[in-house]
Amino acid sequence: ISARPSGTEPKIKFYFSVQAPLENKAAYEN
C-alpha cells in the first residue's frame, strides 16, 4: 500500500497492490 500526497493540490493518492498464485487460466475469475 502506497500513500502519496500531491505536491500541487489538496489531494492524496493511495495505491493498492495484492497478489496470489494463479494455478491455471480457468481459475482467473475466482
PDB file of all heavy atoms in Angstrom:
ATOM      1  N   ILE A   1       0.868  -1.177   0.000  1.00  0.00           N
ATOM      2  CA  ILE A   1       0.000   0.000   0.000  1.00  0.00           C
ATOM      3  C   ILE A   1       0.906   1.228   0.000  1.00  0.00           C
ATOM      4  O   ILE A   1       1.830   1.334   0.821  1.00  0.00           O
ATOM      5  CB  ILE A   1      -0.918   0.028   1.256  1.00  0.00           C
ATOM      6  CG1 ILE A   1      -1.819  -1.213   1.278  1.00  0.00           C
ATOM      7  CG2 ILE A   1      -1.772   1.286   1.279  1.00  0.00           C
ATOM      8  CD1 ILE A   1      -1.280  -2.354   2.094  1.00  0.00           C
ATOM      9  N   SER A   2       0.670   2.145  -0.919  1.00  0.00           N
ATOM     10  CA  SER A   2       1.472   3.368  -1.000  1.00  0.00           C
ATOM     11  C   SER A   2       0.567   4.572  -0.794  1.00  0.00           C
ATOM     12  O   SER A   2      -0.528   4.636  -1.358  1.00  0.00           O
ATOM     13  CB  SER A   2       2.142   3.478  -2.380  1.00  0.00           C
ATOM     14  OG  SER A   2       2.811   2.281  -2.726  1.00  0.00           O
ATOM     15  N   ALA A   3       1.042   5.536   0.000  1.00  0.00           N
ATOM     16  CA  ALA A   3       0.312   6.797   0.205  1.00  0.00           C
ATOM     17  C   ALA A   3       1.180   7.922  -0.330  1.00  0.00           C
ATOM     18  O   ALA A   3       2.356   8.039   0.045  1.00  0.00           O
ATOM     19  CB  ALA A   3       0.028   7.012   1.683  1.00  0.00           C
ATOM     20  N   ARG A   4       0.594   8.729  -1.234  1.00  0.00           N
ATOM     21  CA  ARG A   4       1.387   9.786  -1.886  1.00  0.00           C
ATOM     22  C   ARG A   4       0.544  11.044  -2.084  1.00  0.00           C
ATOM     23  O   ARG A   4      -0.345  11.076  -2.932  1.00  0.00           O
ATOM     24  CB  ARG A   4       1.884   9.249  -3.232  1.00  0.00           C
ATOM     25  CG  ARG A   4       2.721  10.218  -4.020  1.00  0.00           C
ATOM     26  CD  ARG A   4       3.242   9.578  -5.300  1.00  0.00           C
ATOM     27  NE  ARG A   4       3.615  10.605  -6.241  1.00  0.00           N
ATOM     28  CZ  ARG A   4       2.866  11.013  -7.259  1.00  0.00           C
ATOM     29  NH1 ARG A   4       1.695  10.465  -7.485  1.00  0.00           N
ATOM     30  NH2 ARG A   4       3.278  11.974  -8.064  1.00  0.00           N
ATOM     31  N   PRO A   5       0.818  12.095  -1.297  1.00  0.00           N
ATOM     32  CA  PRO A   5       0.076  13.340  -1.496  1.00  0.00           C
ATOM     33  C   PRO A   5       0.545  14.063  -2.762  1.00  0.00           C
ATOM     34  O   PRO A   5       1.698  13.927  -3.168  1.00  0.00           O
ATOM     35  CB  PRO A   5       0.422  14.172  -0.254  1.00  0.00           C
ATOM     36  CG  PRO A   5       1.241  13.308   0.626  1.00  0.00           C
ATOM     37  CD  PRO A   5       1.787  12.205  -0.207  1.00  0.00           C
ATOM     38  N   SER A   6      -0.349  14.840  -3.363  1.00  0.00           N
ATOM     39  CA  SER A   6       0.021  15.674  -4.500  1.00  0.00           C
ATOM     40  C   SER A   6       0.815  16.859  -3.975  1.00  0.00           C
ATOM     41  O   SER A   6       0.522  17.385  -2.902  1.00  0.00           O
ATOM     42  CB  SER A   6      -1.239  16.172  -5.210  1.00  0.00           C
ATOM     43  OG  SER A   6      -0.923  17.251  -6.061  1.00  0.00           O
ATOM     44  N   GLY A   7       1.805  17.288  -4.740  1.00  0.00           N
ATOM     45  CA  GLY A   7       2.578  18.457  -4.322  1.00  0.00           C
ATOM     46  C   GLY A   7       1.907  19.767  -4.679  1.00  0.00           C
ATOM     47  O   GLY A   7       2.287  20.828  -4.186  1.00  0.00           O
ATOM     48  N   THR A   8       0.892  19.719  -5.540  1.00  0.00           N
ATOM     49  CA  THR A   8       0.318  20.959  -6.074  1.00  0.00           C
ATOM     50  C   THR A   8      -1.128  21.219  -5.677  1.00  0.00           C
ATOM     51  O   THR A   8      -1.619  22.322  -5.813  1.00  0.00           O
ATOM     52  CB  THR A   8       0.396  20.960  -7.615  1.00  0.00           C
ATOM     53  OG1 THR A   8      -0.219  19.747  -8.091  1.00  0.00           O
ATOM     54  CG2 THR A   8       1.825  21.017  -8.105  1.00  0.00           C
ATOM     55  N   GLU A   9      -1.836  20.183  -5.213  1.00  0.00           N
ATOM     56  CA  GLU A   9      -3.249  20.382  -4.858  1.00  0.00           C
ATOM     57  C   GLU A   9      -3.582  19.562  -3.613  1.00  0.00           C
ATOM     58  O   GLU A   9      -2.860  18.631  -3.269  1.00  0.00           O
ATOM     59  CB  GLU A   9      -4.158  20.017  -6.039  1.00  0.00           C
ATOM     60  CG  GLU A   9      -3.839  18.694  -6.684  1.00  0.00           C
ATOM     61  CD  GLU A   9      -4.531  18.467  -8.019  1.00  0.00           C
ATOM     62  OE1 GLU A   9      -5.601  19.045  -8.250  1.00  0.00           O
ATOM     63  OE2 GLU A   9      -3.990  17.686  -8.810  1.00  0.00           O
ATOM     64  N   PRO A  10      -4.685  19.901  -2.915  1.00  0.00           N
ATOM     65  CA  PRO A  10      -5.020  19.171  -1.676  1.00  0.00           C
ATOM     66  C   PRO A  10      -5.607  17.798  -1.964  1.00  0.00           C
ATOM     67  O   PRO A  10      -6.776  17.527  -1.764  1.00  0.00           O
ATOM     68  CB  PRO A  10      -6.033  20.099  -0.993  1.00  0.00           C
ATOM     69  CG  PRO A  10      -6.660  20.862  -2.106  1.00  0.00           C
ATOM     70  CD  PRO A  10      -5.636  20.995  -3.182  1.00  0.00           C
ATOM     71  N   LYS A  11      -4.752  16.912  -2.461  1.00  0.00           N
ATOM     72  CA  LYS A  11      -5.197  15.587  -2.888  1.00  0.00           C
ATOM     73  C   LYS A  11      -4.169  14.558  -2.434  1.00  0.00           C
ATOM     74  O   LYS A  11      -2.971  14.835  -2.405  1.00  0.00           O
ATOM     75  CB  LYS A  11      -5.289  15.606  -4.423  1.00  0.00           C
ATOM     76  CG  LYS A  11      -5.877  14.344  -5.033  1.00  0.00           C
ATOM     77  CD  LYS A  11      -5.737  14.362  -6.550  1.00  0.00           C
ATOM     78  CE  LYS A  11      -6.840  15.119  -7.227  1.00  0.00           C
ATOM     79  NZ  LYS A  11      -6.792  14.970  -8.701  1.00  0.00           N
ATOM     80  N   ILE A  12      -4.646  13.370  -2.059  1.00  0.00           N
ATOM     81  CA  ILE A  12      -3.734  12.280  -1.705  1.00  0.00           C
ATOM     82  C   ILE A  12      -4.176  11.022  -2.437  1.00  0.00           C
ATOM     83  O   ILE A  12      -5.368  10.740  -2.551  1.00  0.00           O
ATOM     84  CB  ILE A  12      -3.676  12.072  -0.164  1.00  0.00           C
ATOM     85  CG1 ILE A  12      -2.653  10.985   0.204  1.00  0.00           C
ATOM     86  CG2 ILE A  12      -5.039  11.756   0.426  1.00  0.00           C
ATOM     87  CD1 ILE A  12      -2.294  10.957   1.688  1.00  0.00           C
ATOM     88  N   LYS A  13      -3.197  10.289  -2.951  1.00  0.00           N
ATOM     89  CA  LYS A  13      -3.495   9.037  -3.667  1.00  0.00           C
ATOM     90  C   LYS A  13      -3.024   7.857  -2.840  1.00  0.00           C
ATOM     91  O   LYS A  13      -1.940   7.890  -2.254  1.00  0.00           O
ATOM     92  CB  LYS A  13      -2.775   9.025  -5.031  1.00  0.00           C
ATOM     93  CG  LYS A  13      -3.404   9.927  -6.073  1.00  0.00           C
ATOM     94  CD  LYS A  13      -2.660   9.822  -7.393  1.00  0.00           C
ATOM     95  CE  LYS A  13      -3.339  10.653  -8.473  1.00  0.00           C
ATOM     96  NZ  LYS A  13      -2.605  10.617  -9.743  1.00  0.00           N
ATOM     97  N   PHE A  14      -3.860   6.811  -2.815  1.00  0.00           N
ATOM     98  CA  PHE A  14      -3.493   5.547  -2.185  1.00  0.00           C
ATOM     99  C   PHE A  14      -3.461   4.470  -3.271  1.00  0.00           C
ATOM    100  O   PHE A  14      -4.433   4.278  -3.991  1.00  0.00           O
ATOM    101  CB  PHE A  14      -4.500   5.166  -1.102  1.00  0.00           C
ATOM    102  CG  PHE A  14      -4.425   6.028   0.120  1.00  0.00           C
ATOM    103  CD1 PHE A  14      -5.193   7.179   0.226  1.00  0.00           C
ATOM    104  CD2 PHE A  14      -3.558   5.705   1.162  1.00  0.00           C
ATOM    105  CE1 PHE A  14      -5.117   7.993   1.347  1.00  0.00           C
ATOM    106  CE2 PHE A  14      -3.480   6.511   2.289  1.00  0.00           C
ATOM    107  CZ  PHE A  14      -4.255   7.661   2.379  1.00  0.00           C
ATOM    108  N   TYR A  15      -2.313   3.798  -3.384  1.00  0.00           N
ATOM    109  CA  TYR A  15      -2.131   2.738  -4.383  1.00  0.00           C
ATOM    110  C   TYR A  15      -2.139   1.403  -3.650  1.00  0.00           C
ATOM    111  O   TYR A  15      -1.438   1.238  -2.647  1.00  0.00           O
ATOM    112  CB  TYR A  15      -0.782   2.882  -5.088  1.00  0.00           C
ATOM    113  CG  TYR A  15      -0.525   4.225  -5.741  1.00  0.00           C
ATOM    114  CD1 TYR A  15      -0.135   5.331  -4.992  1.00  0.00           C
ATOM    115  CD2 TYR A  15      -0.634   4.378  -7.121  1.00  0.00           C
ATOM    116  CE1 TYR A  15       0.126   6.556  -5.587  1.00  0.00           C
ATOM    117  CE2 TYR A  15      -0.361   5.600  -7.732  1.00  0.00           C
ATOM    118  CZ  TYR A  15       0.021   6.685  -6.956  1.00  0.00           C
ATOM    119  OH  TYR A  15       0.292   7.893  -7.557  1.00  0.00           O
ATOM    120  N   PHE A  16      -2.917   0.451  -4.158  1.00  0.00           N
ATOM    121  CA  PHE A  16      -3.028  -0.869  -3.526  1.00  0.00           C
ATOM    122  C   PHE A  16      -2.570  -1.939  -4.511  1.00  0.00           C
ATOM    123  O   PHE A  16      -2.970  -1.924  -5.678  1.00  0.00           O
ATOM    124  CB  PHE A  16      -4.474  -1.147  -3.111  1.00  0.00           C
ATOM    125  CG  PHE A  16      -5.019  -0.102  -2.176  1.00  0.00           C
ATOM    126  CD1 PHE A  16      -5.701   1.011  -2.668  1.00  0.00           C
ATOM    127  CD2 PHE A  16      -4.831  -0.200  -0.801  1.00  0.00           C
ATOM    128  CE1 PHE A  16      -6.185   1.986  -1.824  1.00  0.00           C
ATOM    129  CE2 PHE A  16      -5.307   0.780   0.057  1.00  0.00           C
ATOM    130  CZ  PHE A  16      -5.989   1.879  -0.455  1.00  0.00           C
ATOM    131  N   SER A  17      -1.740  -2.842  -4.055  1.00  0.00           N
ATOM    132  CA  SER A  17      -1.300  -3.956  -4.895  1.00  0.00           C
ATOM    133  C   SER A  17      -1.361  -5.240  -4.078  1.00  0.00           C
ATOM    134  O   SER A  17      -0.780  -5.317  -2.986  1.00  0.00           O
ATOM    135  CB  SER A  17       0.129  -3.721  -5.388  1.00  0.00           C
ATOM    136  OG  SER A  17       0.551  -4.820  -6.167  1.00  0.00           O
ATOM    137  N   VAL A  18      -2.104  -6.218  -4.607  1.00  0.00           N
ATOM    138  CA  VAL A  18      -2.211  -7.524  -3.937  1.00  0.00           C
ATOM    139  C   VAL A  18      -1.852  -8.620  -4.935  1.00  0.00           C
ATOM    140  O   VAL A  18      -1.853  -8.383  -6.150  1.00  0.00           O
ATOM    141  CB  VAL A  18      -3.635  -7.759  -3.366  1.00  0.00           C
ATOM    142  CG1 VAL A  18      -3.932  -6.776  -2.252  1.00  0.00           C
ATOM    143  CG2 VAL A  18      -4.698  -7.641  -4.456  1.00  0.00           C
ATOM    144  N   GLN A  19      -1.538  -9.791  -4.428  1.00  0.00           N
ATOM    145  CA  GLN A  19      -1.112 -10.873  -5.329  1.00  0.00           C
ATOM    146  C   GLN A  19      -1.481 -12.235  -4.767  1.00  0.00           C
ATOM    147  O   GLN A  19      -1.648 -12.395  -3.560  1.00  0.00           O
ATOM    148  CB  GLN A  19       0.400 -10.790  -5.535  1.00  0.00           C
ATOM    149  CG  GLN A  19       1.171 -10.784  -4.223  1.00  0.00           C
ATOM    150  CD  GLN A  19       2.668 -10.701  -4.415  1.00  0.00           C
ATOM    151  OE1 GLN A  19       3.283 -11.691  -4.796  1.00  0.00           O
ATOM    152  NE2 GLN A  19       3.262  -9.550  -4.162  1.00  0.00           N
ATOM    153  N   ALA A  20      -1.599 -13.172  -5.696  1.00  0.00           N
ATOM    154  CA  ALA A  20      -1.875 -14.567  -5.315  1.00  0.00           C
ATOM    155  C   ALA A  20      -1.433 -15.458  -6.474  1.00  0.00           C
ATOM    156  O   ALA A  20      -1.405 -15.017  -7.624  1.00  0.00           O
ATOM    157  CB  ALA A  20      -3.370 -14.765  -5.048  1.00  0.00           C
ATOM    158  N   PRO A  21      -1.102 -16.712  -6.196  1.00  0.00           N
ATOM    159  CA  PRO A  21      -0.752 -17.613  -7.308  1.00  0.00           C
ATOM    160  C   PRO A  21      -1.985 -17.860  -8.191  1.00  0.00           C
ATOM    161  O   PRO A  21      -3.119 -17.836  -7.696  1.00  0.00           O
ATOM    162  CB  PRO A  21      -0.329 -18.906  -6.609  1.00  0.00           C
ATOM    163  CG  PRO A  21      -0.208 -18.570  -5.164  1.00  0.00           C
ATOM    164  CD  PRO A  21      -1.056 -17.370  -4.902  1.00  0.00           C
ATOM    165  N   LEU A  22      -1.766 -18.072  -9.459  1.00  0.00           N
ATOM    166  CA  LEU A  22      -2.838 -18.469 -10.384  1.00  0.00           C
ATOM    167  C   LEU A  22      -2.426 -19.811 -10.985  1.00  0.00           C
ATOM    168  O   LEU A  22      -1.471 -19.891 -11.761  1.00  0.00           O
ATOM    169  CB  LEU A  22      -3.038 -17.405 -11.472  1.00  0.00           C
ATOM    170  CG  LEU A  22      -4.188 -17.657 -12.453  1.00  0.00           C
ATOM    171  CD1 LEU A  22      -5.543 -17.622 -11.747  1.00  0.00           C
ATOM    172  CD2 LEU A  22      -4.185 -16.642 -13.597  1.00  0.00           C
ATOM    173  N   GLU A  23      -3.141 -20.861 -10.568  1.00  0.00           N
ATOM    174  CA  GLU A  23      -2.763 -22.218 -10.990  1.00  0.00           C
ATOM    175  C   GLU A  23      -2.920 -22.418 -12.490  1.00  0.00           C
ATOM    176  O   GLU A  23      -2.086 -23.015 -13.151  1.00  0.00           O
ATOM    177  CB  GLU A  23      -3.610 -23.255 -10.237  1.00  0.00           C
ATOM    178  CG  GLU A  23      -3.330 -23.339  -8.736  1.00  0.00           C
ATOM    179  CD  GLU A  23      -1.873 -23.658  -8.430  1.00  0.00           C
ATOM    180  OE1 GLU A  23      -1.287 -24.509  -9.131  1.00  0.00           O
ATOM    181  OE2 GLU A  23      -1.319 -23.020  -7.502  1.00  0.00           O
ATOM    182  N   ASN A  24      -4.043 -21.923 -13.016  1.00  0.00           N
ATOM    183  CA  ASN A  24      -4.308 -22.085 -14.454  1.00  0.00           C
ATOM    184  C   ASN A  24      -5.311 -21.025 -14.910  1.00  0.00           C
ATOM    185  O   ASN A  24      -5.902 -20.318 -14.094  1.00  0.00           O
ATOM    186  CB  ASN A  24      -4.835 -23.499 -14.761  1.00  0.00           C
ATOM    187  CG  ASN A  24      -6.006 -23.851 -13.856  1.00  0.00           C
ATOM    188  OD1 ASN A  24      -6.965 -23.079 -13.731  1.00  0.00           O
ATOM    189  ND2 ASN A  24      -5.932 -25.005 -13.202  1.00  0.00           N
ATOM    190  N   LYS A  25      -5.509 -20.968 -16.215  1.00  0.00           N
ATOM    191  CA  LYS A  25      -6.373 -19.945 -16.812  1.00  0.00           C
ATOM    192  C   LYS A  25      -7.818 -20.050 -16.293  1.00  0.00           C
ATOM    193  O   LYS A  25      -8.495 -19.049 -16.082  1.00  0.00           O
ATOM    194  CB  LYS A  25      -6.350 -20.106 -18.333  1.00  0.00           C
ATOM    195  CG  LYS A  25      -6.914 -18.921 -19.083  1.00  0.00           C
ATOM    196  CD  LYS A  25      -6.792 -19.082 -20.591  1.00  0.00           C
ATOM    197  CE  LYS A  25      -7.504 -17.942 -21.307  1.00  0.00           C
ATOM    198  NZ  LYS A  25      -7.417 -18.048 -22.760  1.00  0.00           N
ATOM    199  N   ALA A  26      -8.250 -21.257 -16.039  1.00  0.00           N
ATOM    200  CA  ALA A  26      -9.634 -21.487 -15.611  1.00  0.00           C
ATOM    201  C   ALA A  26      -9.928 -20.841 -14.255  1.00  0.00           C
ATOM    202  O   ALA A  26     -11.067 -20.474 -13.961  1.00  0.00           O
ATOM    203  CB  ALA A  26      -9.906 -22.989 -15.538  1.00  0.00           C
ATOM    204  N   ALA A  27      -8.881 -20.672 -13.447  1.00  0.00           N
ATOM    205  CA  ALA A  27      -9.077 -20.111 -12.097  1.00  0.00           C
ATOM    206  C   ALA A  27      -9.082 -18.577 -12.092  1.00  0.00           C
ATOM    207  O   ALA A  27      -9.267 -17.953 -11.039  1.00  0.00           O
ATOM    208  CB  ALA A  27      -7.969 -20.627 -11.171  1.00  0.00           C
ATOM    209  N   TYR A  28      -8.873 -17.960 -13.256  1.00  0.00           N
ATOM    210  CA  TYR A  28      -8.688 -16.496 -13.352  1.00  0.00           C
ATOM    211  C   TYR A  28      -9.799 -15.702 -12.652  1.00  0.00           C
ATOM    212  O   TYR A  28      -9.526 -14.867 -11.788  1.00  0.00           O
ATOM    213  CB  TYR A  28      -8.573 -16.086 -14.832  1.00  0.00           C
ATOM    214  CG  TYR A  28      -8.594 -14.588 -15.055  1.00  0.00           C
ATOM    215  CD1 TYR A  28      -7.458 -13.811 -14.842  1.00  0.00           C
ATOM    216  CD2 TYR A  28      -9.765 -13.945 -15.478  1.00  0.00           C
ATOM    217  CE1 TYR A  28      -7.473 -12.434 -15.044  1.00  0.00           C
ATOM    218  CE2 TYR A  28      -9.792 -12.577 -15.672  1.00  0.00           C
ATOM    219  CZ  TYR A  28      -8.652 -11.819 -15.460  1.00  0.00           C
ATOM    220  OH  TYR A  28      -8.673 -10.460 -15.651  1.00  0.00           O
ATOM    221  N   GLU A  29     -11.049 -15.970 -13.001  1.00  0.00           N
ATOM    222  CA  GLU A  29     -12.166 -15.172 -12.466  1.00  0.00           C
ATOM    223  C   GLU A  29     -12.271 -15.295 -10.940  1.00  0.00           C
ATOM    224  O   GLU A  29     -12.468 -14.308 -10.235  1.00  0.00           O
ATOM    225  CB  GLU A  29     -13.496 -15.570 -13.118  1.00  0.00           C
ATOM    226  CG  GLU A  29     -13.697 -15.018 -14.541  1.00  0.00           C
ATOM    227  CD  GLU A  29     -13.670 -13.491 -14.636  1.00  0.00           C
ATOM    228  OE1 GLU A  29     -13.987 -12.818 -13.628  1.00  0.00           O
ATOM    229  OE2 GLU A  29     -13.322 -12.965 -15.705  1.00  0.00           O
ATOM    230  N   ASN A  30     -12.135 -16.530 -10.440  1.00  0.00           N
ATOM    231  CA  ASN A  30     -12.243 -16.745  -8.989  1.00  0.00           C
ATOM    232  C   ASN A  30     -11.153 -16.017  -8.214  1.00  0.00           C
ATOM    233  O   ASN A  30     -11.419 -15.381  -7.189  1.00  0.00           O
ATOM    234  CB  ASN A  30     -12.185 -18.243  -8.658  1.00  0.00           C
ATOM    235  CG  ASN A  30     -13.488 -18.939  -9.043  1.00  0.00           C
ATOM    236  OD1 ASN A  30     -14.500 -18.287  -9.255  1.00  0.00           O
ATOM    237  ND2 ASN A  30     -13.440 -20.259  -9.152  1.00  0.00           N
TER     238      ASN A  30
END
